Amino acid sequence: MARLFVVRHGNTFDAGDVVTRVGGRTDLPLSSSGRNQAEALAAHFAETRFTAALASPLERTRATARKILGTRTDAPALLIRSFLREIDYGPDENQPEEAVIARLGVAALAAWDEDATPPEGWIVDPPAICAGWAALLKEIGTLDGDANILVVTSNGTARFLPDLLDAARDEMDRKLKTGAWGEIEVTSAGAKIKAWNKRP
């Protein structure tokens, strides 16, 4: 079976920074702690030979992927897939969490975290994101059984993947933490989660 490693990019804020909701319209680089997370991911995956590597168009995902791939001379070229781009938080883009909670309320954010139900005003197309993941899983299912695929994306996009897998979604946290990864076993018959939200 092939293995899909889904990685969330490293931090874009450091301790003491004003943390805001950063979506697909805001192309922030990795922060100092985010670069450290990328280094830790690179060390963790140093012995893994990737057959293919994908990332979103955003710098934070590309930088994380490049760091992971940079440990090996046989690394594949990094390919960009637009469906992996972070969602657009609409009026909450670049707003501090207190302001987002004040506008939406705790219940709306809980529905996003637990069921991936987009809050009012956020620009997100769940069927399109799921279709992107489904197409990728189908493609991976045709690959050699020893294939390892790296995907670096954002939390808003990664949270829809569990809905397409042979796993009990209620048993896992949808949110993929910064600098964390999940491992998916993929065959032509389907896909299942082997690990989720792991950090080096």
C-alpha atoms as a PDB file:
ATOM      1  CA  MET A   1       0.000   0.000   0.000  1.00  0.00           C
ATOM      2  CA  ALA A   2       1.058   3.599  -0.594  1.00  0.00           C
ATOM      3  CA  ARG A   3       1.402   6.053   2.273  1.00  0.00           C
ATOM      4  CA  LEU A   4       0.203   9.644   2.299  1.00  0.00           C
ATOM      5  CA  PHE A   5       1.818  11.952   4.850  1.00  0.00           C
ATOM      6  CA  VAL A   6      -0.285  15.071   5.434  1.00  0.00           C
ATOM      7  CA  VAL A   7       1.684  17.826   7.174  1.00  0.00           C
ATOM      8  CA  ARG A   8       0.468  21.160   8.448  1.00  0.00           C
ATOM      9  CA  HIS A   9       2.919  24.009   7.954  1.00  0.00           C
ATOM     10  CA  GLY A  10       4.848  25.467  10.868  1.00  0.00           C
ATOM     11  CA  ASN A  11       3.888  28.488  12.951  1.00  0.00           C
ATOM     12  CA  THR A  12       3.454  31.919  11.429  1.00  0.00           C
ATOM     13  CA  PHE A  13       3.450  33.655  14.826  1.00  0.00           C
ATOM     14  CA  ASP A  14       5.892  33.535  17.742  1.00  0.00           C
ATOM     15  CA  ALA A  15       5.334  33.921  21.469  1.00  0.00           C
ATOM     16  CA  GLY A  16       4.367  37.517  22.206  1.00  0.00           C
ATOM     17  CA  ASP A  17       2.927  38.165  18.731  1.00  0.00           C
ATOM     18  CA  VAL A  18      -0.710  39.131  18.289  1.00  0.00           C
ATOM     19  CA  VAL A  19      -2.140  35.933  16.807  1.00  0.00           C
ATOM     20  CA  THR A  20      -4.798  36.396  14.150  1.00  0.00           C
ATOM     21  CA  ARG A  21      -6.859  34.175  11.847  1.00  0.00           C
ATOM     22  CA  VAL A  22      -4.632  33.830   8.807  1.00  0.00           C
ATOM     23  CA  GLY A  23      -6.310  32.370   5.741  1.00  0.00           C
ATOM     24  CA  GLY A  24      -5.648  31.986   2.056  1.00  0.00           C
ATOM     25  CA  ARG A  25      -5.557  35.734   1.361  1.00  0.00           C
ATOM     26  CA  THR A  26      -2.622  36.289   3.711  1.00  0.00           C
ATOM     27  CA  ASP A  27       0.687  34.811   2.583  1.00  0.00           C
ATOM     28  CA  LEU A  28       2.750  34.959   5.766  1.00  0.00           C
ATOM     29  CA  PRO A  29       6.195  33.334   5.968  1.00  0.00           C
ATOM     30  CA  LEU A  30       7.121  30.922   8.719  1.00  0.00           C
ATOM     31  CA  SER A  31       8.000  32.562  12.009  1.00  0.00           C
ATOM     32  CA  SER A  32      11.125  31.671  13.972  1.00  0.00           C
ATOM     33  CA  SER A  33       9.292  28.924  15.855  1.00  0.00           C
ATOM     34  CA  GLY A  34       7.721  27.798  12.570  1.00  0.00           C
ATOM     35  CA  ARG A  35      11.153  27.383  11.018  1.00  0.00           C
ATOM     36  CA  ASN A  36      12.142  25.305  14.050  1.00  0.00           C
ATOM     37  CA  GLN A  37       9.065  23.135  13.532  1.00  0.00           C
ATOM     38  CA  ALA A  38      10.002  22.682   9.867  1.00  0.00           C
ATOM     39  CA  GLU A  39      13.510  21.638  10.937  1.00  0.00           C
ATOM     40  CA  ALA A  40      12.037  19.092  13.343  1.00  0.00           C
ATOM     41  CA  LEU A  41       9.797  17.705  10.597  1.00  0.00           C
ATOM     42  CA  ALA A  42      12.780  17.492   8.255  1.00  0.00           C
ATOM     43  CA  ALA A  43      14.734  15.507  10.845  1.00  0.00           C
ATOM     44  CA  HIS A  44      11.762  13.220  11.456  1.00  0.00           C
ATOM     45  CA  PHE A  45      11.268  12.433   7.753  1.00  0.00           C
ATOM     46  CA  ALA A  46      14.957  12.345   6.840  1.00  0.00           C
ATOM     47  CA  GLU A  47      14.890   8.584   6.231  1.00  0.00           C
ATOM     48  CA  THR A  48      11.671   8.666   4.194  1.00  0.00           C
ATOM     49  CA  ARG A  49      12.046   8.569   0.434  1.00  0.00           C
ATOM     50  CA  PHE A  50       9.139  10.503  -1.055  1.00  0.00           C
ATOM     51  CA  THR A  51       7.793   9.529  -4.458  1.00  0.00           C
ATOM     52  CA  ALA A  52       5.922  12.821  -4.873  1.00  0.00           C
ATOM     53  CA  ALA A  53       5.485  16.035  -2.891  1.00  0.00           C
ATOM     54  CA  LEU A  54       2.623  18.532  -3.021  1.00  0.00           C
ATOM     55  CA  ALA A  55       1.942  21.835  -1.292  1.00  0.00           C
ATOM     56  CA  SER A  56      -0.449  24.745  -1.486  1.00  0.00           C
ATOM     57  CA  PRO A  57       0.608  27.965  -3.255  1.00  0.00           C
ATOM     58  CA  LEU A  58       1.226  29.700   0.099  1.00  0.00           C
ATOM     59  CA  GLU A  59       4.787  30.421   1.200  1.00  0.00           C
ATOM     60  CA  ARG A  60       4.329  28.867   4.659  1.00  0.00           C
ATOM     61  CA  THR A  61       3.417  25.492   3.162  1.00  0.00           C
ATOM     62  CA  ARG A  62       6.065  25.641   0.443  1.00  0.00           C
ATOM     63  CA  ALA A  63       8.786  26.566   2.939  1.00  0.00           C
ATOM     64  CA  THR A  64       7.814  23.687   5.239  1.00  0.00           C
ATOM     65  CA  ALA A  65       7.795  21.249   2.318  1.00  0.00           C
ATOM     66  CA  ARG A  66      11.138  22.491   0.989  1.00  0.00           C
ATOM     67  CA  LYS A  67      12.730  22.007   4.399  1.00  0.00           C
ATOM     68  CA  ILE A  68      11.459  18.414   4.591  1.00  0.00           C
ATOM     69  CA  LEU A  69      12.559  17.620   1.042  1.00  0.00           C
ATOM     70  CA  GLY A  70      15.922  19.309   1.518  1.00  0.00           C
ATOM     71  CA  THR A  71      17.288  16.473   3.632  1.00  0.00           C
ATOM     72  CA  ARG A  72      17.592  14.111   0.649  1.00  0.00           C
ATOM     73  CA  THR A  73      19.305  14.285  -2.727  1.00  0.00           C
ATOM     74  CA  ASP A  74      16.660  12.001  -4.248  1.00  0.00           C
ATOM     75  CA  ALA A  75      13.719  14.213  -3.282  1.00  0.00           C
ATOM     76  CA  PRO A  76      11.038  14.826  -5.939  1.00  0.00           C
ATOM     77  CA  ALA A  77      10.178  18.251  -7.302  1.00  0.00           C
ATOM     78  CA  LEU A  78       7.583  20.106  -5.239  1.00  0.00           C
ATOM     79  CA  LEU A  79       4.245  20.358  -7.064  1.00  0.00           C
ATOM     80  CA  ILE A  80       1.611  22.978  -6.250  1.00  0.00           C
ATOM     81  CA  ARG A  81      -2.073  22.018  -5.963  1.00  0.00           C
ATOM     82  CA  SER A  82      -4.523  24.896  -5.589  1.00  0.00           C
ATOM     83  CA  PHE A  83      -7.129  22.880  -3.627  1.00  0.00           C
ATOM     84  CA  LEU A  84      -4.608  22.648  -0.763  1.00  0.00           C
ATOM     85  CA  ARG A  85      -4.714  26.438  -0.249  1.00  0.00           C
ATOM     86  CA  GLU A  86      -6.005  27.602   3.126  1.00  0.00           C
ATOM     87  CA  ILE A  87      -9.620  28.777   3.267  1.00  0.00           C
ATOM     88  CA  ASP A  88     -10.615  32.463   3.260  1.00  0.00           C
ATOM     89  CA  TYR A  89     -11.855  33.646   6.647  1.00  0.00           C
ATOM     90  CA  GLY A  90     -13.879  36.464   5.074  1.00  0.00           C
ATOM     91  CA  PRO A  91     -14.489  39.296   7.567  1.00  0.00           C
ATOM     92  CA  ASP A  92     -12.448  37.419  10.170  1.00  0.00           C
ATOM     93  CA  GLU A  93      -9.273  37.291   8.054  1.00  0.00           C
ATOM     94  CA  ASN A  94      -6.385  38.769  10.066  1.00  0.00           C
ATOM     95  CA  GLN A  95      -8.597  39.396  13.082  1.00  0.00           C
ATOM     96  CA  PRO A  96      -7.536  38.421  16.621  1.00  0.00           C
ATOM     97  CA  GLU A  97      -9.417  35.482  18.099  1.00  0.00           C
ATOM     98  CA  GLU A  98     -11.310  37.642  20.602  1.00  0.00           C
ATOM     99  CA  ALA A  99     -12.813  39.646  17.733  1.00  0.00           C
ATOM    100  CA  VAL A 100     -13.701  36.474  15.829  1.00  0.00           C
ATOM    101  CA  ILE A 101     -15.460  35.017  18.878  1.00  0.00           C
ATOM    102  CA  ALA A 102     -17.283  38.298  19.458  1.00  0.00           C
ATOM    103  CA  ARG A 103     -18.602  38.288  15.877  1.00  0.00           C
ATOM    104  CA  LEU A 104     -19.457  34.607  15.493  1.00  0.00           C
ATOM    105  CA  GLY A 105     -19.943  33.231  18.982  1.00  0.00           C
ATOM    106  CA  VAL A 106     -18.419  30.140  20.573  1.00  0.00           C
ATOM    107  CA  ALA A 107     -21.015  27.746  19.120  1.00  0.00           C
ATOM    108  CA  ALA A 108     -20.174  28.624  15.499  1.00  0.00           C
ATOM    109  CA  LEU A 109     -16.469  28.042  16.089  1.00  0.00           C
ATOM    110  CA  ALA A 110     -17.178  24.774  17.882  1.00  0.00           C
ATOM    111  CA  ALA A 111     -19.205  23.596  14.866  1.00  0.00           C
ATOM    112  CA  TRP A 112     -16.213  24.403  12.656  1.00  0.00           C
ATOM    113  CA  ASP A 113     -13.806  22.519  14.907  1.00  0.00           C
ATOM    114  CA  GLU A 114     -16.045  19.499  15.443  1.00  0.00           C
ATOM    115  CA  ASP A 115     -17.954  19.127  12.160  1.00  0.00           C
ATOM    116  CA  ALA A 116     -16.145  21.425   9.667  1.00  0.00           C
ATOM    117  CA  THR A 117     -19.296  23.530   9.324  1.00  0.00           C
ATOM    118  CA  PRO A 118     -18.109  26.898   7.934  1.00  0.00           C
ATOM    119  CA  PRO A 119     -19.222  29.918   9.983  1.00  0.00           C
ATOM    120  CA  GLU A 120     -21.202  32.712   8.359  1.00  0.00           C
ATOM    121  CA  GLY A 121     -19.064  34.888   6.123  1.00  0.00           C
ATOM    122  CA  TRP A 122     -16.185  32.479   5.653  1.00  0.00           C
ATOM    123  CA  ILE A 123     -15.410  31.645   2.048  1.00  0.00           C
ATOM    124  CA  VAL A 124     -14.978  27.885   1.896  1.00  0.00           C
ATOM    125  CA  ASP A 125     -16.299  25.240  -0.484  1.00  0.00           C
ATOM    126  CA  PRO A 126     -16.328  21.886   1.380  1.00  0.00           C
ATOM    127  CA  PRO A 127     -17.485  19.830  -1.648  1.00  0.00           C
ATOM    128  CA  ALA A 128     -14.643  21.229  -3.773  1.00  0.00           C
ATOM    129  CA  ILE A 129     -12.044  20.564  -1.068  1.00  0.00           C
ATOM    130  CA  CYS A 130     -13.352  17.029  -0.545  1.00  0.00           C
ATOM    131  CA  ALA A 131     -13.306  16.469  -4.314  1.00  0.00           C
ATOM    132  CA  GLY A 132      -9.667  17.555  -4.392  1.00  0.00           C
ATOM    133  CA  TRP A 133      -8.767  15.129  -1.615  1.00  0.00           C
ATOM    134  CA  ALA A 134     -10.804  12.332  -3.240  1.00  0.00           C
ATOM    135  CA  ALA A 135      -9.038  12.804  -6.571  1.00  0.00           C
ATOM    136  CA  LEU A 136      -5.650  12.756  -4.853  1.00  0.00           C
ATOM    137  CA  LEU A 137      -6.482   9.576  -2.912  1.00  0.00           C
ATOM    138  CA  LYS A 138      -7.657   7.904  -6.125  1.00  0.00           C
ATOM    139  CA  GLU A 139      -4.423   8.904  -7.853  1.00  0.00           C
ATOM    140  CA  ILE A 140      -2.310   7.617  -4.961  1.00  0.00           C
ATOM    141  CA  GLY A 141      -4.262   4.361  -4.941  1.00  0.00           C
ATOM    142  CA  THR A 142      -2.876   3.550  -8.388  1.00  0.00           C
ATOM    143  CA  LEU A 143       0.754   3.949  -7.309  1.00  0.00           C
ATOM    144  CA  ASP A 144       3.305   1.331  -6.357  1.00  0.00           C
ATOM    145  CA  GLY A 145       2.808  -0.099  -2.879  1.00  0.00           C
ATOM    146  CA  ASP A 146       6.070   1.415  -1.642  1.00  0.00           C
ATOM    147  CA  ALA A 147       5.149   4.964  -2.675  1.00  0.00           C
ATOM    148  CA  ASN A 148       5.353   7.721  -0.052  1.00  0.00           C
ATOM    149  CA  ILE A 149       3.527  10.962  -0.842  1.00  0.00           C
ATOM    150  CA  LEU A 150       4.126  14.218   1.057  1.00  0.00           C
ATOM    151  CA  VAL A 151       1.376  16.845   1.222  1.00  0.00           C
ATOM    152  CA  VAL A 152       1.903  20.115   3.102  1.00  0.00           C
ATOM    153  CA  THR A 153      -1.227  22.161   3.625  1.00  0.00           C
ATOM    154  CA  SER A 154      -3.156  24.213   6.173  1.00  0.00           C
ATOM    155  CA  ASN A 155      -5.609  23.369   8.930  1.00  0.00           C
ATOM    156  CA  GLY A 156      -8.701  24.610   7.102  1.00  0.00           C
ATOM    157  CA  THR A 157      -8.074  22.230   4.213  1.00  0.00           C
ATOM    158  CA  ALA A 158      -6.684  19.249   6.128  1.00  0.00           C
ATOM    159  CA  ARG A 159      -9.758  19.041   8.383  1.00  0.00           C
ATOM    160  CA  PHE A 160     -11.913  17.738   5.511  1.00  0.00           C
ATOM    161  CA  LEU A 161      -9.710  14.719   4.753  1.00  0.00           C
ATOM    162  CA  PRO A 162     -10.963  12.481   7.603  1.00  0.00           C
ATOM    163  CA  ASP A 163     -14.461  12.468   6.080  1.00  0.00           C
ATOM    164  CA  LEU A 164     -13.100  10.508   3.112  1.00  0.00           C
ATOM    165  CA  LEU A 165     -11.281   7.824   5.078  1.00  0.00           C
ATOM    166  CA  ASP A 166     -12.205   4.438   6.465  1.00  0.00           C
ATOM    167  CA  ALA A 167     -12.043   5.634  10.059  1.00  0.00           C
ATOM    168  CA  ALA A 168     -14.356   6.711  12.849  1.00  0.00           C
ATOM    169  CA  ARG A 169     -14.054  10.495  12.561  1.00  0.00           C
ATOM    170  CA  ASP A 170     -15.679  11.050  15.948  1.00  0.00           C
ATOM    171  CA  GLU A 171     -12.638   9.500  17.606  1.00  0.00           C
ATOM    172  CA  MET A 172     -10.204  12.098  16.315  1.00  0.00           C
ATOM    173  CA  ASP A 173      -9.635  15.829  16.462  1.00  0.00           C
ATOM    174  CA  ARG A 174     -10.142  17.382  13.034  1.00  0.00           C
ATOM    175  CA  LYS A 175      -7.687  20.149  13.776  1.00  0.00           C
ATOM    176  CA  LEU A 176      -4.172  19.373  12.593  1.00  0.00           C
ATOM    177  CA  LYS A 177      -1.768  21.321  14.807  1.00  0.00           C
ATOM    178  CA  THR A 178       1.009  23.429  13.324  1.00  0.00           C
ATOM    179  CA  GLY A 179       4.074  21.331  12.605  1.00  0.00           C
ATOM    180  CA  ALA A 180       2.034  18.131  12.996  1.00  0.00           C
ATOM    181  CA  TRP A 181       1.414  15.315  10.551  1.00  0.00           C
ATOM    182  CA  GLY A 182      -0.881  12.433   9.799  1.00  0.00           C
ATOM    183  CA  GLU A 183      -0.210   9.154   8.000  1.00  0.00           C
ATOM    184  CA  ILE A 184      -2.799   7.639   5.669  1.00  0.00           C
ATOM    185  CA  GLU A 185      -2.563   4.160   4.172  1.00  0.00           C
ATOM    186  CA  VAL A 186      -3.937   4.194   0.627  1.00  0.00           C
ATOM    187  CA  THR A 187      -4.870   1.321  -1.669  1.00  0.00           C
ATOM    188  CA  SER A 188      -7.139   1.062  -4.690  1.00  0.00           C
ATOM    189  CA  ALA A 189      -9.825  -0.216  -2.304  1.00  0.00           C
ATOM    190  CA  GLY A 190      -9.758   2.800   0.015  1.00  0.00           C
ATOM    191  CA  ALA A 191      -7.781   4.713   2.602  1.00  0.00           C
ATOM    192  CA  LYS A 192      -7.499   4.672   6.376  1.00  0.00           C
ATOM    193  CA  ILE A 193      -5.780   6.737   9.029  1.00  0.00           C
ATOM    194  CA  LYS A 194      -2.748   5.161  10.648  1.00  0.00           C
ATOM    195  CA  ALA A 195      -1.725   8.254  12.644  1.00  0.00           C
ATOM    196  CA  TRP A 196      -2.991  11.803  13.094  1.00  0.00           C
ATOM    197  CA  ASN A 197      -1.810  14.972  14.820  1.00  0.00           C
ATOM    198  CA  LYS A 198       1.673  13.642  15.547  1.00  0.00           C
ATOM    199  CA  ARG A 199       4.589  15.964  16.167  1.00  0.00           C
ATOM    200  CA  PRO A 200       8.251  14.995  15.950  1.00  0.00           C
END
